[in-house]
Amino acid sequence: MPTDSDHVVGEPKYYAVKRHLLDFIGSLEPGAPVPTERELATHMDTSRTTVRQALGELVVEGRLVRRQGSGTYVAEPKITWPLYLASFTEQVQASGFKASSQVLGTQRIPAGAELAQRLGVAQRAPVYRLERLRLADAWPIAVETSWLPADRFSGLTRLIRAHGSLHSVLAEHYDTLLHTGEETIETAPATPREAGPLGVDVGTPMLIVSRQNFDTDGAPVEFGRTWFRSDRVTLVTHLASRQR
C-alpha cells in the first residue's frame, strides 16, 4: 500500500490515494469487498478524510459500489446501453444479459398539464402509470415509470402484470407499434423511491432518461422516465454527420 510520501508534487493527496486504489481494485474480482476507510487509512498512512474522498470519486465513477449497512465493493461490469428505440428486453439481451422485470405498482390517475401535453390528451383525462424494476441477470439496474392514455389502452395494467414487456403487449393486444421517439438525459441523486428497489444509498448518482414514444401515425403513445444505476449502466449513442 502507498503512503502519503508517494504522491506527486502538486498532486492532490486524495488523488494519489485514488490512483493506488484503482490499481488495488483492479486485482480484485467484481463483487469483492474493499477494506474499510479505517483500514485503508492505516495501510496508506493517511487520513480517513483523504481515503473517503478517493472512495467517493470511485463510487461516482461506477468503479465501486456502496451497500448500506454492508460496506464497499468492487462494481460489477457495466452494461452498455445504446440509445435507440427498442424494448428493455431487446437492449439487455443485445448486451449479453438476461432481462427481467418486477411490477412495483400500477395506477389510473388524471393527467396533469405535462402528461396531457406529452400524451395528446385533455387535462384530467385518465392515464395509466406503470412503475417497474428492471433487472439484468437478476441485478436491479433501473426503476422505470411509464404513462399511457387509459382510454386508448383499456385493461393495460392487468396485461402488463401478466406479460411484462410493454412493447410486446402494445403490439399484440392493441396493434400499436412504436415507430419514433425522443429522449433526454439528466443526472440526479437517488431518492428513497429509487434507492430502495435498486439496493443503493439515497443520494447515489443516477442517470435519468426521459422519453416520448410515437406510433406509426405520429401519435404519442407513451411518456416514460427511467432512473438507471450509474454504476451498472453506460449510455451510448451513435452520431453521424448531417452532411451529405
Protein backbone atom coordinates (compact mmCIF):
# COMPACT_ATOMS: atom_id res chain seq x y z
CA MET A 1 0.00 0.00 0.00
CA PRO A 2 1.20 3.56 -0.71
CA THR A 3 1.86 6.21 1.86
CA ASP A 4 1.45 9.98 1.80
CA SER A 5 5.05 10.29 0.59
CA ASP A 6 4.13 8.56 -2.67
CA HIS A 7 2.10 11.41 -4.14
CA VAL A 8 3.44 13.60 -6.92
CA VAL A 9 4.37 17.18 -6.02
CA GLY A 10 1.41 19.44 -6.74
CA GLU A 11 -0.98 16.47 -6.95
CA PRO A 12 -3.92 16.47 -4.51
CA LYS A 13 -3.27 13.95 -1.75
CA TYR A 14 -6.56 12.14 -2.29
CA TYR A 15 -5.76 11.71 -5.98
CA ALA A 16 -2.61 9.74 -5.20
CA VAL A 17 -4.69 7.51 -2.92
CA LYS A 18 -7.28 7.16 -5.68
CA ARG A 19 -4.63 6.06 -8.21
CA HIS A 20 -3.34 3.39 -5.87
CA LEU A 21 -6.87 2.25 -5.05
CA LEU A 22 -7.53 1.84 -8.77
CA ASP A 23 -4.51 -0.46 -9.00
CA PHE A 24 -5.69 -2.35 -5.93
CA ILE A 25 -9.29 -2.91 -7.01
CA GLY A 26 -8.06 -3.87 -10.48
CA SER A 27 -6.61 -7.00 -8.88
CA LEU A 28 -9.95 -7.97 -7.31
CA GLU A 29 -12.95 -9.79 -8.75
CA PRO A 30 -16.24 -7.92 -9.29
CA GLY A 31 -18.27 -8.00 -6.09
CA ALA A 32 -15.21 -8.36 -3.86
CA PRO A 33 -15.30 -6.31 -0.63
CA VAL A 34 -12.95 -3.34 -0.21
CA PRO A 35 -11.27 -2.71 3.17
CA THR A 36 -12.89 -0.12 5.41
CA GLU A 37 -11.87 3.54 5.43
CA ARG A 38 -10.07 2.99 8.73
CA GLU A 39 -8.11 0.01 7.40
CA LEU A 40 -7.17 1.81 4.17
CA ALA A 41 -6.11 4.93 6.05
CA THR A 42 -3.88 2.85 8.33
CA HIS A 43 -2.29 0.92 5.47
CA MET A 44 -1.74 4.07 3.42
CA ASP A 45 -0.58 6.14 6.38
CA THR A 46 -3.05 8.89 5.57
CA SER A 47 -6.26 10.34 6.98
CA ARG A 48 -9.70 8.77 6.72
CA THR A 49 -10.90 12.03 5.16
CA THR A 50 -8.45 11.58 2.28
CA VAL A 51 -9.48 7.95 1.82
CA ARG A 52 -13.17 8.89 1.97
CA GLN A 53 -12.75 11.45 -0.80
CA ALA A 54 -10.92 8.96 -3.03
CA LEU A 55 -13.51 6.25 -2.41
CA GLY A 56 -16.33 8.72 -3.06
CA GLU A 57 -14.98 9.57 -6.50
CA LEU A 58 -14.60 5.90 -7.38
CA VAL A 59 -18.22 5.31 -6.37
CA VAL A 60 -19.39 8.23 -8.53
CA GLU A 61 -17.35 6.83 -11.45
CA GLY A 62 -19.02 3.46 -11.04
CA ARG A 63 -15.85 1.56 -10.13
CA LEU A 64 -17.03 0.87 -6.59
CA VAL A 65 -20.49 0.44 -5.13
CA ARG A 66 -21.64 1.08 -1.57
CA ARG A 67 -24.25 -1.15 0.03
CA GLN A 68 -25.98 0.36 3.02
CA GLY A 69 -25.12 -1.43 6.22
CA SER A 70 -22.74 -3.78 4.42
CA GLY A 71 -19.71 -1.97 3.02
CA THR A 72 -18.00 -1.02 -0.23
CA TYR A 73 -17.47 -3.48 -3.08
CA VAL A 74 -15.83 -3.67 -6.49
CA ALA A 75 -18.54 -2.83 -9.01
CA GLU A 76 -19.87 -5.42 -11.42
CA PRO A 77 -19.14 -4.86 -15.14
CA LYS A 78 -21.31 -2.14 -16.65
CA ILE A 79 -23.98 -2.79 -19.23
CA THR A 80 -23.51 -0.87 -22.46
CA TRP A 81 -26.89 0.73 -23.17
CA PRO A 82 -27.28 2.07 -26.74
CA LEU A 83 -29.89 4.80 -27.05
CA TYR A 84 -32.26 3.67 -29.77
CA LEU A 85 -35.93 2.75 -29.98
CA ALA A 86 -36.10 -0.78 -28.60
CA SER A 87 -37.65 -2.55 -25.66
CA PHE A 88 -35.77 -3.03 -22.40
CA THR A 89 -35.65 -6.78 -23.06
CA GLU A 90 -34.12 -6.30 -26.52
CA GLN A 91 -31.48 -3.89 -25.23
CA VAL A 92 -30.45 -6.06 -22.30
CA GLN A 93 -30.26 -9.19 -24.47
CA ALA A 94 -28.17 -7.30 -27.03
CA SER A 95 -25.64 -6.67 -24.24
CA GLY A 96 -25.47 -10.38 -23.41
CA PHE A 97 -27.63 -10.40 -20.28
CA LYS A 98 -30.98 -11.94 -19.35
CA ALA A 99 -33.72 -9.35 -18.82
CA SER A 100 -36.48 -9.48 -16.24
CA SER A 101 -38.88 -7.03 -14.58
CA GLN A 102 -40.88 -6.65 -11.41
CA VAL A 103 -44.04 -4.54 -11.36
CA LEU A 104 -43.73 -2.14 -8.44
CA GLY A 105 -47.13 -0.54 -8.92
CA THR A 106 -49.86 0.43 -11.37
CA GLN A 107 -52.31 3.32 -11.09
CA ARG A 108 -55.03 5.02 -13.08
CA ILE A 109 -54.62 8.77 -12.50
CA PRO A 110 -55.88 12.04 -14.01
CA ALA A 111 -53.41 13.68 -16.39
CA GLY A 112 -51.77 16.87 -15.21
CA ALA A 113 -50.70 19.60 -17.63
CA GLU A 114 -47.37 18.00 -18.59
CA LEU A 115 -48.77 14.50 -19.10
CA ALA A 116 -51.72 15.84 -21.07
CA GLN A 117 -49.34 17.64 -23.43
CA ARG A 118 -46.97 14.67 -23.70
CA LEU A 119 -49.72 12.15 -24.41
CA GLY A 120 -52.01 14.35 -26.50
CA VAL A 121 -54.99 14.06 -24.15
CA ALA A 122 -57.13 16.55 -22.28
CA GLN A 123 -56.12 17.62 -18.79
CA ARG A 124 -57.54 15.25 -16.17
CA ALA A 125 -58.13 12.56 -18.80
CA PRO A 126 -57.32 9.13 -17.32
CA VAL A 127 -53.79 7.81 -17.84
CA TYR A 128 -52.07 4.68 -16.63
CA ARG A 129 -48.94 4.98 -14.51
CA LEU A 130 -46.79 1.85 -14.60
CA GLU A 131 -43.76 1.54 -12.34
CA ARG A 132 -41.35 -1.35 -12.83
CA LEU A 133 -38.00 -2.51 -11.50
CA ARG A 134 -35.72 -3.55 -14.36
CA LEU A 135 -33.13 -6.28 -13.89
CA ALA A 136 -30.27 -7.77 -15.92
CA ASP A 137 -29.12 -11.24 -14.84
CA ALA A 138 -31.24 -10.68 -11.71
CA TRP A 139 -29.27 -7.49 -10.87
CA PRO A 140 -31.51 -4.40 -10.41
CA ILE A 141 -30.31 -1.71 -12.81
CA ALA A 142 -33.22 0.72 -13.23
CA VAL A 143 -36.57 1.93 -11.98
CA GLU A 144 -38.84 2.83 -14.87
CA THR A 145 -42.11 4.75 -14.86
CA SER A 146 -44.35 4.83 -17.94
CA TRP A 147 -47.52 6.82 -18.56
CA LEU A 148 -50.03 5.91 -21.30
CA PRO A 149 -53.56 7.05 -22.24
CA ALA A 150 -56.01 4.82 -20.36
CA ASP A 151 -58.88 5.24 -22.84
CA ARG A 152 -56.72 4.00 -25.73
CA PHE A 153 -55.23 1.06 -23.81
CA SER A 154 -58.09 -0.23 -21.69
CA GLY A 155 -57.03 -3.13 -19.45
CA LEU A 156 -53.32 -2.44 -19.82
CA THR A 157 -52.44 -2.75 -16.14
CA ARG A 158 -53.79 -6.30 -15.98
CA LEU A 159 -51.91 -7.30 -19.12
CA ILE A 160 -48.61 -5.77 -18.06
CA ARG A 161 -48.66 -7.73 -14.81
CA ALA A 162 -49.23 -10.95 -16.75
CA HIS A 163 -46.83 -10.43 -19.66
CA GLY A 164 -44.14 -7.98 -18.52
CA SER A 165 -42.99 -6.47 -21.81
CA LEU A 166 -44.83 -3.23 -22.57
CA HIS A 167 -43.75 -3.12 -26.21
CA SER A 168 -45.00 -6.69 -26.76
CA VAL A 169 -48.32 -6.00 -25.04
CA LEU A 170 -48.89 -2.88 -27.15
CA ALA A 171 -48.12 -4.75 -30.38
CA GLU A 172 -50.02 -7.96 -29.63
CA HIS A 173 -53.08 -6.65 -27.80
CA TYR A 174 -53.53 -3.13 -29.16
CA ASP A 175 -51.98 -3.39 -32.64
CA THR A 176 -49.69 -0.48 -31.72
CA LEU A 177 -46.06 -0.30 -32.84
CA LEU A 178 -43.63 2.29 -31.52
CA HIS A 179 -42.08 3.98 -34.54
CA THR A 180 -40.18 7.06 -33.35
CA GLY A 181 -39.09 8.56 -30.06
CA GLU A 182 -37.36 11.49 -28.39
CA GLU A 183 -35.04 11.15 -25.38
CA THR A 184 -33.33 13.46 -22.95
CA ILE A 185 -30.63 12.55 -20.40
CA GLU A 186 -30.05 14.08 -16.98
CA THR A 187 -28.25 13.18 -13.76
CA ALA A 188 -29.63 13.36 -10.23
CA PRO A 189 -29.13 11.72 -6.84
CA ALA A 190 -31.31 8.73 -5.98
CA THR A 191 -34.33 9.46 -3.81
CA PRO A 192 -35.78 6.89 -1.38
CA ARG A 193 -38.22 5.89 -4.15
CA GLU A 194 -35.38 4.61 -6.37
CA ALA A 195 -32.80 3.71 -3.72
CA GLY A 196 -34.92 1.01 -2.05
CA PRO A 197 -35.72 -1.17 -5.09
CA LEU A 198 -32.24 -0.67 -6.57
CA GLY A 199 -30.41 -1.51 -3.36
CA VAL A 200 -28.32 1.68 -3.29
CA ASP A 201 -27.91 4.53 -0.83
CA VAL A 202 -30.09 7.61 -1.04
CA GLY A 203 -28.05 10.21 -2.91
CA THR A 204 -26.29 7.70 -5.17
CA PRO A 205 -25.67 9.27 -8.63
CA MET A 206 -28.27 8.19 -11.18
CA LEU A 207 -28.68 8.56 -14.94
CA ILE A 208 -32.20 9.64 -15.90
CA VAL A 209 -33.51 9.01 -19.40
CA SER A 210 -36.86 10.62 -20.25
CA ARG A 211 -38.51 9.55 -23.48
CA GLN A 212 -41.62 10.19 -25.51
CA ASN A 213 -42.61 7.46 -27.99
CA PHE A 214 -44.89 7.77 -31.02
CA ASP A 215 -46.72 5.23 -33.18
CA THR A 216 -46.54 4.84 -36.96
CA ASP A 217 -49.10 7.65 -37.39
CA GLY A 218 -47.04 10.03 -35.27
CA ALA A 219 -49.48 9.94 -32.34
CA PRO A 220 -47.94 9.94 -28.84
CA VAL A 221 -48.21 6.54 -27.19
CA GLU A 222 -46.05 6.66 -24.07
CA PHE A 223 -44.10 9.05 -21.91
CA GLY A 224 -41.54 7.41 -19.68
CA ARG A 225 -38.73 8.15 -17.28
CA THR A 226 -36.03 5.62 -16.35
CA TRP A 227 -33.64 6.02 -13.41
CA PHE A 228 -30.51 3.96 -14.16
CA ARG A 229 -27.84 2.98 -11.65
CA SER A 230 -24.80 4.84 -12.96
CA ASP A 231 -22.50 2.15 -11.54
CA ARG A 232 -24.15 -0.54 -13.69
CA VAL A 233 -25.00 1.21 -16.96
CA THR A 234 -23.07 3.18 -19.57
CA LEU A 235 -25.29 5.07 -22.01
CA VAL A 236 -24.06 5.07 -25.60
CA THR A 237 -25.30 6.98 -28.63
CA HIS A 238 -24.11 6.78 -32.23
CA LEU A 239 -23.56 10.02 -34.11
CA ALA A 240 -23.46 10.67 -37.83
CA SER A 241 -22.64 13.76 -39.85
CA ARG A 242 -25.61 15.68 -41.21
CA GLN A 243 -23.59 16.49 -44.30
CA ARG A 244 -24.35 14.53 -47.44
